[in-house]
Amino acid sequence: MALKTTIKIDTEYGVPVELEGILVKVTGISGDKNKMVAHLSFFDEKGGVLWTKAYSFKVSLSGDNFIAQAYEYLKTLPEFADAIDC
C-alpha cells in the first residue's frame, strides 16, 4: 500500500514548489498500545527517496493492522487530503 500525492514545499529561498506524483510509503512503524509512530519515505517518480518523516497517531487495538491505521490517519491530515491509494 502507498499514497500518491502532490506535495507543496518551500525552497530554501522561500519560493513555493509543487512536487507532483510523489509516492508516500510507510516504511516502518513503532510504538505501544497508546501511540504509534509511522515512519514514512517520500519517493519521486523514478523511485528515489526524496526525504523521510515520522508521524504519531493514536492506535486502535481492535482496528485494522497498524500500517493500515497509519495510512488512514495520514489521509486525515491536510497535507495528504488529496492523496489517492495506490
PDB file of N, CA and C in Angstrom:
ATOM      1  N   MET A   1       0.842  -1.174   0.000  1.00  0.00           N
ATOM      2  CA  MET A   1       0.000   0.000   0.000  1.00  0.00           C
ATOM      3  C   MET A   1       0.886   1.236   0.000  1.00  0.00           C
ATOM      4  N   ALA A   2       0.383   2.297  -0.581  1.00  0.00           N
ATOM      5  CA  ALA A   2       1.075   3.589  -0.620  1.00  0.00           C
ATOM      6  C   ALA A   2       0.061   4.665  -0.950  1.00  0.00           C
ATOM      7  N   LEU A   3       0.484   5.897  -0.834  1.00  0.00           N
ATOM      8  CA  LEU A   3      -0.329   7.043  -1.232  1.00  0.00           C
ATOM      9  C   LEU A   3       0.405   7.787  -2.336  1.00  0.00           C
ATOM     10  N   LYS A   4      -0.341   8.316  -3.277  1.00  0.00           N
ATOM     11  CA  LYS A   4       0.235   9.161  -4.312  1.00  0.00           C
ATOM     12  C   LYS A   4      -0.376  10.540  -4.149  1.00  0.00           C
ATOM     13  N   THR A   5       0.489  11.567  -4.171  1.00  0.00           N
ATOM     14  CA  THR A   5       0.004  12.907  -3.881  1.00  0.00           C
ATOM     15  C   THR A   5       0.890  13.974  -4.504  1.00  0.00           C
ATOM     16  N   THR A   6       0.437  15.191  -4.404  1.00  0.00           N
ATOM     17  CA  THR A   6       1.226  16.371  -4.751  1.00  0.00           C
ATOM     18  C   THR A   6       1.605  17.041  -3.436  1.00  0.00           C
ATOM     19  N   ILE A   7       2.877  17.291  -3.274  1.00  0.00           N
ATOM     20  CA  ILE A   7       3.378  17.900  -2.042  1.00  0.00           C
ATOM     21  C   ILE A   7       3.797  19.334  -2.354  1.00  0.00           C
ATOM     22  N   LYS A   8       3.389  20.240  -1.499  1.00  0.00           N
ATOM     23  CA  LYS A   8       3.794  21.639  -1.628  1.00  0.00           C
ATOM     24  C   LYS A   8       4.877  21.917  -0.593  1.00  0.00           C
ATOM     25  N   ILE A   9       6.021  22.396  -1.066  1.00  0.00           N
ATOM     26  CA  ILE A   9       7.122  22.696  -0.153  1.00  0.00           C
ATOM     27  C   ILE A   9       7.650  24.091  -0.455  1.00  0.00           C
ATOM     28  N   ASP A  10       8.321  24.680   0.519  1.00  0.00           N
ATOM     29  CA  ASP A  10       9.022  25.944   0.320  1.00  0.00           C
ATOM     30  C   ASP A  10      10.499  25.634   0.126  1.00  0.00           C
ATOM     31  N   THR A  11      11.097  26.225  -0.882  1.00  0.00           N
ATOM     32  CA  THR A  11      12.526  26.035  -1.107  1.00  0.00           C
ATOM     33  C   THR A  11      13.294  26.858  -0.084  1.00  0.00           C
ATOM     34  N   GLU A  12      14.599  26.689  -0.067  1.00  0.00           N
ATOM     35  CA  GLU A  12      15.421  27.443   0.876  1.00  0.00           C
ATOM     36  C   GLU A  12      15.381  28.944   0.603  1.00  0.00           C
ATOM     37  N   TYR A  13      14.917  29.323  -0.594  1.00  0.00           N
ATOM     38  CA  TYR A  13      14.802  30.739  -0.942  1.00  0.00           C
ATOM     39  C   TYR A  13      13.390  31.279  -0.720  1.00  0.00           C
ATOM     40  N   GLY A  14      12.528  30.472  -0.117  1.00  0.00           N
ATOM     41  CA  GLY A  14      11.172  30.903   0.187  1.00  0.00           C
ATOM     42  C   GLY A  14      10.208  30.820  -0.985  1.00  0.00           C
ATOM     43  N   VAL A  15      10.627  30.172  -2.053  1.00  0.00           N
ATOM     44  CA  VAL A  15       9.769  30.027  -3.236  1.00  0.00           C
ATOM     45  C   VAL A  15       9.003  28.712  -3.118  1.00  0.00           C
ATOM     46  N   PRO A  16       7.661  28.758  -3.109  1.00  0.00           N
ATOM     47  CA  PRO A  16       6.899  27.510  -3.009  1.00  0.00           C
ATOM     48  C   PRO A  16       6.971  26.705  -4.306  1.00  0.00           C
ATOM     49  N   VAL A  17       7.057  25.385  -4.151  1.00  0.00           N
ATOM     50  CA  VAL A  17       7.143  24.472  -5.290  1.00  0.00           C
ATOM     51  C   VAL A  17       6.167  23.329  -5.050  1.00  0.00           C
ATOM     52  N   GLU A  18       5.489  22.884  -6.105  1.00  0.00           N
ATOM     53  CA  GLU A  18       4.626  21.703  -6.015  1.00  0.00           C
ATOM     54  C   GLU A  18       5.331  20.532  -6.685  1.00  0.00           C
ATOM     55  N   LEU A  19       5.437  19.437  -5.959  1.00  0.00           N
ATOM     56  CA  LEU A  19       6.017  18.212  -6.498  1.00  0.00           C
ATOM     57  C   LEU A  19       4.884  17.232  -6.742  1.00  0.00           C
ATOM     58  N   GLU A  20       4.639  16.915  -7.998  1.00  0.00           N
ATOM     59  CA  GLU A  20       3.531  16.029  -8.361  1.00  0.00           C
ATOM     60  C   GLU A  20       4.000  14.576  -8.437  1.00  0.00           C
ATOM     61  N   GLY A  21       3.066  13.678  -8.223  1.00  0.00           N
ATOM     62  CA  GLY A  21       3.337  12.257  -8.374  1.00  0.00           C
ATOM     63  C   GLY A  21       4.240  11.685  -7.298  1.00  0.00           C
ATOM     64  N   ILE A  22       4.228  12.283  -6.120  1.00  0.00           N
ATOM     65  CA  ILE A  22       5.062  11.789  -5.022  1.00  0.00           C
ATOM     66  C   ILE A  22       4.405  10.562  -4.405  1.00  0.00           C
ATOM     67  N   LEU A  23       5.175   9.500  -4.263  1.00  0.00           N
ATOM     68  CA  LEU A  23       4.700   8.271  -3.646  1.00  0.00           C
ATOM     69  C   LEU A  23       5.118   8.279  -2.186  1.00  0.00           C
ATOM     70  N   VAL A  24       4.167   8.054  -1.298  1.00  0.00           N
ATOM     71  CA  VAL A  24       4.421   8.071   0.142  1.00  0.00           C
ATOM     72  C   VAL A  24       4.164   6.664   0.676  1.00  0.00           C
ATOM     73  N   LYS A  25       5.194   6.086   1.296  1.00  0.00           N
ATOM     74  CA  LYS A  25       5.072   4.729   1.845  1.00  0.00           C
ATOM     75  C   LYS A  25       5.421   4.708   3.316  1.00  0.00           C
ATOM     76  N   VAL A  26       4.655   3.928   4.073  1.00  0.00           N
ATOM     77  CA  VAL A  26       5.015   3.663   5.466  1.00  0.00           C
ATOM     78  C   VAL A  26       6.134   2.629   5.403  1.00  0.00           C
ATOM     79  N   THR A  27       7.327   3.031   5.827  1.00  0.00           N
ATOM     80  CA  THR A  27       8.485   2.137   5.746  1.00  0.00           C
ATOM     81  C   THR A  27       8.851   1.541   7.096  1.00  0.00           C
ATOM     82  N   GLY A  28       8.168   1.986   8.136  1.00  0.00           N
ATOM     83  CA  GLY A  28       8.402   1.426   9.455  1.00  0.00           C
ATOM     84  C   GLY A  28       7.341   1.911  10.415  1.00  0.00           C
ATOM     85  N   ILE A  29       7.164   1.166  11.483  1.00  0.00           N
ATOM     86  CA  ILE A  29       6.167   1.539  12.481  1.00  0.00           C
ATOM     87  C   ILE A  29       6.704   1.111  13.842  1.00  0.00           C
ATOM     88  N   SER A  30       6.484   1.955  14.842  1.00  0.00           N
ATOM     89  CA  SER A  30       6.932   1.629  16.191  1.00  0.00           C
ATOM     90  C   SER A  30       5.970   2.253  17.187  1.00  0.00           C
ATOM     91  N   GLY A  31       6.061   1.826  18.413  1.00  0.00           N
ATOM     92  CA  GLY A  31       5.209   2.407  19.437  1.00  0.00           C
ATOM     93  C   GLY A  31       4.683   1.371  20.400  1.00  0.00           C
ATOM     94  N   ASP A  32       3.578   1.734  21.054  1.00  0.00           N
ATOM     95  CA  ASP A  32       2.950   0.844  22.015  1.00  0.00           C
ATOM     96  C   ASP A  32       1.434   0.963  21.894  1.00  0.00           C
ATOM     97  N   LYS A  33       0.711   0.407  22.857  1.00  0.00           N
ATOM     98  CA  LYS A  33      -0.753   0.376  22.752  1.00  0.00           C
ATOM     99  C   LYS A  33      -1.402   1.751  22.839  1.00  0.00           C
ATOM    100  N   ASN A  34      -0.653   2.761  23.265  1.00  0.00           N
ATOM    101  CA  ASN A  34      -1.206   4.106  23.395  1.00  0.00           C
ATOM    102  C   ASN A  34      -0.932   4.994  22.186  1.00  0.00           C
ATOM    103  N   LYS A  35       0.222   4.836  21.580  1.00  0.00           N
ATOM    104  CA  LYS A  35       0.610   5.705  20.467  1.00  0.00           C
ATOM    105  C   LYS A  35       1.576   4.979  19.550  1.00  0.00           C
ATOM    106  N   MET A  36       1.375   5.141  18.248  1.00  0.00           N
ATOM    107  CA  MET A  36       2.272   4.558  17.261  1.00  0.00           C
ATOM    108  C   MET A  36       2.956   5.698  16.502  1.00  0.00           C
ATOM    109  N   VAL A  37       4.103   5.389  15.950  1.00  0.00           N
ATOM    110  CA  VAL A  37       4.820   6.326  15.084  1.00  0.00           C
ATOM    111  C   VAL A  37       4.990   5.649  13.734  1.00  0.00           C
ATOM    112  N   ALA A  38       4.475   6.292  12.700  1.00  0.00           N
ATOM    113  CA  ALA A  38       4.626   5.798  11.334  1.00  0.00           C
ATOM    114  C   ALA A  38       5.818   6.520  10.716  1.00  0.00           C
ATOM    115  N   HIS A  39       6.781   5.760  10.257  1.00  0.00           N
ATOM    116  CA  HIS A  39       7.954   6.313   9.590  1.00  0.00           C
ATOM    117  C   HIS A  39       7.690   6.240   8.091  1.00  0.00           C
ATOM    118  N   LEU A  40       7.710   7.407   7.432  1.00  0.00           N
ATOM    119  CA  LEU A  40       7.372   7.482   6.013  1.00  0.00           C
ATOM    120  C   LEU A  40       8.594   7.792   5.179  1.00  0.00           C
ATOM    121  N   SER A  41       8.574   7.300   3.943  1.00  0.00           N
ATOM    122  CA  SER A  41       9.543   7.703   2.930  1.00  0.00           C
ATOM    123  C   SER A  41       8.759   8.298   1.776  1.00  0.00           C
ATOM    124  N   PHE A  42       9.268   9.384   1.228  1.00  0.00           N
ATOM    125  CA  PHE A  42       8.667  10.082   0.095  1.00  0.00           C
ATOM    126  C   PHE A  42       9.543   9.804  -1.127  1.00  0.00           C
ATOM    127  N   PHE A  43       8.940   9.232  -2.175  1.00  0.00           N
ATOM    128  CA  PHE A  43       9.685   8.825  -3.360  1.00  0.00           C
ATOM    129  C   PHE A  43       9.297   9.666  -4.563  1.00  0.00           C
ATOM    130  N   ASP A  44      10.277   9.941  -5.445  1.00  0.00           N
ATOM    131  CA  ASP A  44       9.963  10.612  -6.698  1.00  0.00           C
ATOM    132  C   ASP A  44       9.462   9.579  -7.713  1.00  0.00           C
ATOM    133  N   GLU A  45       9.129  10.035  -8.914  1.00  0.00           N
ATOM    134  CA  GLU A  45       8.563   9.140  -9.935  1.00  0.00           C
ATOM    135  C   GLU A  45       9.529   8.051 -10.381  1.00  0.00           C
ATOM    136  N   LYS A  46      10.831   8.255 -10.160  1.00  0.00           N
ATOM    137  CA  LYS A  46      11.834   7.265 -10.554  1.00  0.00           C
ATOM    138  C   LYS A  46      12.165   6.293  -9.425  1.00  0.00           C
ATOM    139  N   GLY A  47      11.536   6.486  -8.269  1.00  0.00           N
ATOM    140  CA  GLY A  47      11.750   5.587  -7.139  1.00  0.00           C
ATOM    141  C   GLY A  47      12.840   6.025  -6.177  1.00  0.00           C
ATOM    142  N   GLY A  48      13.394   7.211  -6.391  1.00  0.00           N
ATOM    143  CA  GLY A  48      14.416   7.711  -5.477  1.00  0.00           C
ATOM    144  C   GLY A  48      13.793   8.320  -4.236  1.00  0.00           C
ATOM    145  N   VAL A  49      14.399   8.068  -3.096  1.00  0.00           N
ATOM    146  CA  VAL A  49      13.893   8.627  -1.840  1.00  0.00           C
ATOM    147  C   VAL A  49      14.255  10.106  -1.780  1.00  0.00           C
ATOM    148  N   LEU A  50      13.234  10.939  -1.609  1.00  0.00           N
ATOM    149  CA  LEU A  50      13.436  12.380  -1.502  1.00  0.00           C
ATOM    150  C   LEU A  50      13.716  12.795  -0.064  1.00  0.00           C
ATOM    151  N   TRP A  51      12.923  12.265   0.875  1.00  0.00           N
ATOM    152  CA  TRP A  51      13.102  12.545   2.295  1.00  0.00           C
ATOM    153  C   TRP A  51      12.279  11.558   3.098  1.00  0.00           C
ATOM    154  N   THR A  52      12.481  11.583   4.400  1.00  0.00           N
ATOM    155  CA  THR A  52      11.714  10.747   5.322  1.00  0.00           C
ATOM    156  C   THR A  52      11.122  11.651   6.396  1.00  0.00           C
ATOM    157  N   LYS A  53      10.083  11.166   7.019  1.00  0.00           N
ATOM    158  CA  LYS A  53       9.403  11.940   8.068  1.00  0.00           C
ATOM    159  C   LYS A  53       8.619  10.965   8.938  1.00  0.00           C
ATOM    160  N   ALA A  54       8.381  11.324  10.181  1.00  0.00           N
ATOM    161  CA  ALA A  54       7.618  10.478  11.098  1.00  0.00           C
ATOM    162  C   ALA A  54       6.371  11.214  11.583  1.00  0.00           C
ATOM    163  N   TYR A  55       5.288  10.454  11.735  1.00  0.00           N
ATOM    164  CA  TYR A  55       4.015  10.980  12.225  1.00  0.00           C
ATOM    165  C   TYR A  55       3.518  10.075  13.340  1.00  0.00           C
ATOM    166  N   SER A  56       3.066  10.661  14.461  1.00  0.00           N
ATOM    167  CA  SER A  56       2.477   9.840  15.516  1.00  0.00           C
ATOM    168  C   SER A  56       0.965   9.891  15.455  1.00  0.00           C
ATOM    169  N   PHE A  57       0.370   8.780  15.848  1.00  0.00           N
ATOM    170  CA  PHE A  57      -1.087   8.687  15.829  1.00  0.00           C
ATOM    171  C   PHE A  57      -1.546   7.733  16.919  1.00  0.00           C
ATOM    172  N   LYS A  58      -2.786   7.904  17.323  1.00  0.00           N
ATOM    173  CA  LYS A  58      -3.400   7.031  18.331  1.00  0.00           C
ATOM    174  C   LYS A  58      -3.834   5.753  17.636  1.00  0.00           C
ATOM    175  N   VAL A  59      -3.531   4.634  18.233  1.00  0.00           N
ATOM    176  CA  VAL A  59      -3.795   3.337  17.628  1.00  0.00           C
ATOM    177  C   VAL A  59      -5.030   2.690  18.260  1.00  0.00           C
ATOM    178  N   SER A  60      -5.721   1.893  17.484  1.00  0.00           N
ATOM    179  CA  SER A  60      -6.839   1.107  18.000  1.00  0.00           C
ATOM    180  C   SER A  60      -6.438  -0.357  17.967  1.00  0.00           C
ATOM    181  N   LEU A  61      -6.403  -0.989  19.134  1.00  0.00           N
ATOM    182  CA  LEU A  61      -6.003  -2.393  19.199  1.00  0.00           C
ATOM    183  C   LEU A  61      -7.046  -3.315  18.565  1.00  0.00           C
ATOM    184  N   SER A  62      -8.274  -2.844  18.447  1.00  0.00           N
ATOM    185  CA  SER A  62      -9.323  -3.672  17.851  1.00  0.00           C
ATOM    186  C   SER A  62      -9.563  -3.317  16.378  1.00  0.00           C
ATOM    187  N   GLY A  63      -8.784  -2.376  15.848  1.00  0.00           N
ATOM    188  CA  GLY A  63      -8.965  -1.947  14.461  1.00  0.00           C
ATOM    189  C   GLY A  63      -8.121  -2.755  13.496  1.00  0.00           C
ATOM    190  N   ASP A  64      -7.988  -2.221  12.274  1.00  0.00           N
ATOM    191  CA  ASP A  64      -7.139  -2.832  11.250  1.00  0.00           C
ATOM    192  C   ASP A  64      -5.705  -2.916  11.751  1.00  0.00           C
ATOM    193  N   ASN A  65      -4.850  -3.567  10.941  1.00  0.00           N
ATOM    194  CA  ASN A  65      -3.448  -3.648  11.335  1.00  0.00           C
ATOM    195  C   ASN A  65      -2.863  -2.233  11.437  1.00  0.00           C
ATOM    196  N   PHE A  66      -1.752  -2.115  12.116  1.00  0.00           N
ATOM    197  CA  PHE A  66      -1.193  -0.802  12.433  1.00  0.00           C
ATOM    198  C   PHE A  66      -0.789  -0.016  11.192  1.00  0.00           C
ATOM    199  N   ILE A  67      -0.305  -0.685  10.172  1.00  0.00           N
ATOM    200  CA  ILE A  67       0.096   0.010   8.950  1.00  0.00           C
ATOM    201  C   ILE A  67      -1.135   0.580   8.251  1.00  0.00           C
ATOM    202  N   ALA A  68      -2.201  -0.198   8.156  1.00  0.00           N
ATOM    203  CA  ALA A  68      -3.443   0.301   7.556  1.00  0.00           C
ATOM    204  C   ALA A  68      -3.971   1.490   8.354  1.00  0.00           C
ATOM    205  N   GLN A  69      -3.891   1.418   9.685  1.00  0.00           N
ATOM    206  CA  GLN A  69      -4.328   2.535  10.519  1.00  0.00           C
ATOM    207  C   GLN A  69      -3.461   3.771  10.271  1.00  0.00           C
ATOM    208  N   ALA A  70      -2.185   3.576  10.030  1.00  0.00           N
ATOM    209  CA  ALA A  70      -1.295   4.704   9.745  1.00  0.00           C
ATOM    210  C   ALA A  70      -1.735   5.411   8.468  1.00  0.00           C
ATOM    211  N   TYR A  71      -2.020   4.645   7.402  1.00  0.00           N
ATOM    212  CA  TYR A  71      -2.473   5.258   6.152  1.00  0.00           C
ATOM    213  C   TYR A  71      -3.810   5.982   6.337  1.00  0.00           C
ATOM    214  N   GLU A  72      -4.715   5.397   7.092  1.00  0.00           N
ATOM    215  CA  GLU A  72      -5.999   6.056   7.340  1.00  0.00           C
ATOM    216  C   GLU A  72      -5.804   7.360   8.103  1.00  0.00           C
ATOM    217  N   TYR A  73      -4.897   7.355   9.067  1.00  0.00           N
ATOM    218  CA  TYR A  73      -4.601   8.574   9.804  1.00  0.00           C
ATOM    219  C   TYR A  73      -4.005   9.639   8.880  1.00  0.00           C
ATOM    220  N   LEU A  74      -3.045   9.245   8.062  1.00  0.00           N
ATOM    221  CA  LEU A  74      -2.392  10.208   7.167  1.00  0.00           C
ATOM    222  C   LEU A  74      -3.400  10.908   6.274  1.00  0.00           C
ATOM    223  N   LYS A  75      -4.399  10.171   5.794  1.00  0.00           N
ATOM    224  CA  LYS A  75      -5.402  10.753   4.899  1.00  0.00           C
ATOM    225  C   LYS A  75      -6.298  11.771   5.606  1.00  0.00           C
ATOM    226  N   THR A  76      -6.235  11.855   6.937  1.00  0.00           N
ATOM    227  CA  THR A  76      -6.996  12.866   7.672  1.00  0.00           C
ATOM    228  C   THR A  76      -6.230  14.180   7.792  1.00  0.00           C
ATOM    229  N   LEU A  77      -4.943  14.171   7.439  1.00  0.00           N
ATOM    230  CA  LEU A  77      -4.115  15.364   7.554  1.00  0.00           C
ATOM    231  C   LEU A  77      -4.244  16.243   6.314  1.00  0.00           C
ATOM    232  N   PRO A  78      -4.237  17.560   6.487  1.00  0.00           N
ATOM    233  CA  PRO A  78      -4.386  18.468   5.340  1.00  0.00           C
ATOM    234  C   PRO A  78      -3.371  18.225   4.223  1.00  0.00           C
ATOM    235  N   GLU A  79      -2.136  17.902   4.570  1.00  0.00           N
ATOM    236  CA  GLU A  79      -1.119  17.712   3.526  1.00  0.00           C
ATOM    237  C   GLU A  79      -1.336  16.466   2.675  1.00  0.00           C
ATOM    238  N   PHE A  80      -2.190  15.554   3.149  1.00  0.00           N
ATOM    239  CA  PHE A  80      -2.495  14.347   2.380  1.00  0.00           C
ATOM    240  C   PHE A  80      -3.981  14.277   1.971  1.00  0.00           C
ATOM    241  N   ALA A  81      -4.677  15.390   2.065  1.00  0.00           N
ATOM    242  CA  ALA A  81      -6.117  15.426   1.797  1.00  0.00           C
ATOM    243  C   ALA A  81      -6.454  14.963   0.373  1.00  0.00           C
ATOM    244  N   ASP A  82      -5.594  15.248  -0.580  1.00  0.00           N
ATOM    245  CA  ASP A  82      -5.846  14.864  -1.977  1.00  0.00           C
ATOM    246  C   ASP A  82      -5.135  13.587  -2.384  1.00  0.00           C
ATOM    247  N   ALA A  83      -4.521  12.903  -1.436  1.00  0.00           N
ATOM    248  CA  ALA A  83      -3.776  11.683  -1.753  1.00  0.00           C
ATOM    249  C   ALA A  83      -4.720  10.558  -2.163  1.00  0.00           C
ATOM    250  N   ILE A  84      -4.238   9.730  -3.079  1.00  0.00           N
ATOM    251  CA  ILE A  84      -5.013   8.570  -3.509  1.00  0.00           C
ATOM    252  C   ILE A  84      -4.270   7.291  -3.128  1.00  0.00           C
ATOM    253  N   ASP A  85      -5.010   6.249  -2.822  1.00  0.00           N
ATOM    254  CA  ASP A  85      -4.411   4.954  -2.520  1.00  0.00           C
ATOM    255  C   ASP A  85      -3.850   4.353  -3.798  1.00  0.00           C
ATOM    256  N   CYS A  86      -2.705   3.737  -3.684  1.00  0.00           N
ATOM    257  CA  CYS A  86      -2.142   3.010  -4.821  1.00  0.00           C
ATOM    258  C   CYS A  86      -1.308   1.843  -4.352  1.00  0.00           C
TER     259      CYS A  86
END
